[in-house]
Amino acid sequence: MPALDELKARRDALAAQRASGVARVSYDGKTVDYRSVTEIDRAIDALDREVGALEGRRIVRQVRITTSKGL
């Protein structure tokens, strides 16, 4: 598993490239081409989850259900 600093560096590189509109990201001598902004967003979300797990943060999920009788 990559180190926390490496994951944060990857996430920062992705966020910077997303903001600039470029779909190619380079870090540690590696280059990754993304097909769309959506794909970059998914990669950022995945890195956020990995960073959170390494930092000991829990993923909080809420499900709210509302009902009515329709009156």
Protein backbone atom coordinates (compact mmCIF):
# COMPACT_ATOMS: atom_id res chain seq x y z
CA MET A 1 0.00 0.00 0.00
CA PRO A 2 1.39 3.45 -0.90
CA ALA A 3 2.48 5.82 1.85
CA LEU A 4 0.16 8.57 3.05
CA ASP A 5 2.38 11.34 1.63
CA GLU A 6 2.46 9.65 -1.77
CA LEU A 7 -1.33 9.35 -1.86
CA LYS A 8 -1.74 13.01 -0.90
CA ALA A 9 0.73 14.02 -3.63
CA ARG A 10 -1.23 12.02 -6.22
CA ARG A 11 -4.49 13.58 -5.06
CA ASP A 12 -3.03 17.10 -5.23
CA ALA A 13 -1.70 16.45 -8.74
CA LEU A 14 -5.10 15.18 -9.87
CA ALA A 15 -6.92 18.15 -8.36
CA ALA A 16 -4.52 20.61 -10.01
CA GLN A 17 -4.88 18.97 -13.41
CA ARG A 18 -8.66 18.83 -13.07
CA ALA A 19 -8.75 22.54 -12.32
CA SER A 20 -6.61 23.28 -15.37
CA GLY A 21 -8.76 21.14 -17.66
CA VAL A 22 -5.89 18.83 -18.64
CA ALA A 23 -6.60 15.10 -18.68
CA ARG A 24 -2.95 13.99 -18.28
CA VAL A 25 -1.39 13.69 -14.84
CA SER A 26 2.28 13.04 -14.06
CA TYR A 27 3.79 12.12 -10.70
CA ASP A 28 6.88 10.16 -9.66
CA GLY A 29 7.93 9.81 -13.30
CA LYS A 30 4.63 8.16 -14.25
CA THR A 31 2.01 9.61 -16.59
CA VAL A 32 -1.68 8.71 -16.61
CA ASP A 33 -4.14 9.82 -19.31
CA TYR A 34 -7.77 10.18 -18.25
CA ARG A 35 -10.66 10.07 -20.70
CA SER A 36 -12.95 12.52 -18.93
CA VAL A 37 -13.37 14.83 -15.97
CA THR A 38 -15.72 12.25 -14.45
CA GLU A 39 -12.93 9.68 -14.48
CA ILE A 40 -10.61 12.17 -12.74
CA ASP A 41 -13.32 12.85 -10.14
CA ARG A 42 -13.64 9.12 -9.45
CA ALA A 43 -9.87 8.82 -9.04
CA ILE A 44 -9.85 11.76 -6.61
CA ASP A 45 -12.69 10.17 -4.61
CA ALA A 46 -10.83 6.85 -4.46
CA LEU A 47 -7.67 8.58 -3.24
CA ASP A 48 -9.69 10.51 -0.64
CA ARG A 49 -11.04 7.19 0.69
CA GLU A 50 -7.55 5.67 0.84
CA VAL A 51 -6.13 8.73 2.61
CA GLY A 52 -9.03 8.69 5.06
CA ALA A 53 -8.48 5.02 5.81
CA LEU A 54 -4.78 5.58 6.48
CA GLU A 55 -5.56 8.54 8.71
CA GLY A 56 -8.07 6.44 10.65
CA ARG A 57 -11.16 8.35 9.54
CA ARG A 58 -14.36 6.41 9.16
CA ILE A 59 -16.61 6.76 6.16
CA VAL A 60 -19.93 8.12 7.38
CA ARG A 61 -22.98 7.12 5.40
CA GLN A 62 -26.51 8.17 6.13
CA VAL A 63 -29.71 6.83 4.73
CA ARG A 64 -32.82 8.88 5.36
CA ILE A 65 -36.22 7.50 4.61
CA THR A 66 -39.29 9.69 4.61
CA THR A 67 -42.81 8.56 4.04
CA SER A 68 -46.22 10.12 3.89
CA LYS A 69 -49.74 8.92 3.46
CA GLY A 70 -50.18 11.16 0.48
CA LEU A 71 -52.98 13.19 2.05
